[in-house]
Amino acid sequence: MGRISKAKLLEASLLNAGIPLRDTSKRGFSRATSAGLDEARQQAFSQLFRDLGGLEEANGVFTAGDWDLADDKGMYLEFDEDAHFHRYRGLTLKLP
């Protein structure tokens, strides 16, 4: 039997508590993006991207991957799992 992710355990707990969740795998589901941020924050993301070895994207807009969970009122949740804690994490925590 495979190991169940912590995000899946949280999802089961929320559903068990009666909190309705949306299917985040469907097309058109909102993802986090830097597009609506002010210029200073967009520049901070761009600098972090370069600091991590990335090449500047043409439009400078960054979009996250799929969310782990979302409730039916539009609150998005990303569960910090063990894989998120790596040598680059310290740089992200220093953002303004």
Protein backbone atom coordinates (compact mmCIF):
# COMPACT_ATOMS: atom_id res chain seq x y z
CA MET A 1 0.00 0.00 0.00
CA GLY A 2 1.36 3.42 -1.00
CA ARG A 3 1.91 6.30 1.34
CA ILE A 4 -0.83 8.96 1.51
CA SER A 5 0.40 12.55 1.15
CA LYS A 6 -0.14 15.02 3.97
CA ALA A 7 -2.21 17.16 1.60
CA LYS A 8 -4.56 14.23 0.95
CA LEU A 9 -4.89 13.63 4.70
CA LEU A 10 -5.75 17.31 5.20
CA GLU A 11 -8.28 17.10 2.37
CA ALA A 12 -9.94 14.08 3.97
CA SER A 13 -10.05 15.84 7.34
CA LEU A 14 -11.66 18.97 5.85
CA LEU A 15 -14.24 16.92 3.97
CA ASN A 16 -14.94 14.91 7.13
CA ALA A 17 -15.50 18.21 8.98
CA GLY A 18 -18.14 19.17 6.40
CA ILE A 19 -16.07 21.78 4.53
CA PRO A 20 -16.91 21.54 0.82
CA LEU A 21 -13.89 21.60 -1.50
CA ARG A 22 -13.54 22.33 -5.21
CA ASP A 23 -11.76 20.14 -7.74
CA THR A 24 -8.52 22.02 -8.46
CA SER A 25 -7.61 19.79 -11.40
CA LYS A 26 -10.30 21.23 -13.69
CA ARG A 27 -9.31 23.51 -16.57
CA GLY A 28 -9.74 27.20 -15.96
CA PHE A 29 -9.10 26.95 -12.23
CA SER A 30 -7.30 30.03 -10.92
CA ARG A 31 -3.60 29.79 -10.15
CA ALA A 32 -1.51 32.20 -8.13
CA THR A 33 0.21 34.74 -10.35
CA SER A 34 2.44 37.75 -9.89
CA ALA A 35 0.55 39.69 -12.59
CA GLY A 36 -1.55 41.73 -10.15
CA LEU A 37 1.29 42.67 -7.81
CA ASP A 38 2.78 46.14 -7.64
CA GLU A 39 6.03 46.82 -9.49
CA ALA A 40 8.28 46.45 -6.42
CA ARG A 41 6.93 42.99 -5.65
CA GLN A 42 7.14 41.92 -9.29
CA GLN A 43 10.78 43.03 -9.32
CA ALA A 44 11.41 41.05 -6.12
CA PHE A 45 10.05 37.90 -7.79
CA SER A 46 12.17 38.54 -10.88
CA GLN A 47 15.29 39.01 -8.75
CA LEU A 48 14.58 35.82 -6.82
CA PHE A 49 14.09 33.95 -10.09
CA ARG A 50 17.51 35.15 -11.31
CA ASP A 51 19.12 34.39 -7.91
CA LEU A 52 17.89 30.81 -8.22
CA GLY A 53 19.53 30.50 -11.63
CA GLY A 54 16.54 31.22 -13.84
CA LEU A 55 16.64 33.20 -17.03
CA GLU A 56 14.36 36.22 -17.13
CA GLU A 57 11.06 35.44 -18.82
CA ALA A 58 9.91 37.72 -21.62
CA ASN A 59 6.87 39.02 -19.73
CA GLY A 60 8.25 38.76 -16.17
CA VAL A 61 4.99 37.22 -14.91
CA PHE A 62 5.19 34.12 -12.74
CA THR A 63 2.38 31.62 -12.28
CA ALA A 64 2.28 28.85 -9.69
CA GLY A 65 1.30 25.27 -10.36
CA ASP A 66 -1.93 23.66 -9.24
CA TRP A 67 -3.19 24.25 -5.71
CA ASP A 68 -3.51 21.33 -3.30
CA LEU A 69 -6.99 22.34 -2.12
CA ALA A 70 -9.61 25.04 -2.53
CA ASP A 71 -12.87 25.56 -0.71
CA ASP A 72 -16.14 26.44 -2.42
CA LYS A 73 -15.79 30.13 -1.41
CA GLY A 74 -12.53 30.72 -3.28
CA MET A 75 -9.91 30.14 -0.57
CA TYR A 76 -6.90 28.35 -2.04
CA LEU A 77 -4.61 26.15 0.04
CA GLU A 78 -1.10 24.93 -0.68
CA PHE A 79 0.13 22.45 1.88
CA ASP A 80 3.83 22.78 2.73
CA GLU A 81 5.09 19.23 2.35
CA ASP A 82 8.59 17.95 3.01
CA ALA A 83 9.60 18.44 -0.64
CA HIS A 84 9.05 22.19 -0.29
CA PHE A 85 11.85 22.50 2.26
CA HIS A 86 15.10 22.48 0.33
CA ARG A 87 18.26 24.56 -0.04
CA TYR A 88 16.46 27.32 -1.97
CA ARG A 89 13.72 27.87 0.63
CA GLY A 90 15.82 30.34 2.65
CA LEU A 91 16.00 32.71 -0.30
CA THR A 92 12.23 32.73 -0.71
CA LEU A 93 11.71 33.56 2.98
CA LYS A 94 13.85 36.69 2.60
CA LEU A 95 11.50 38.33 0.10
CA PRO A 96 10.18 41.74 1.22
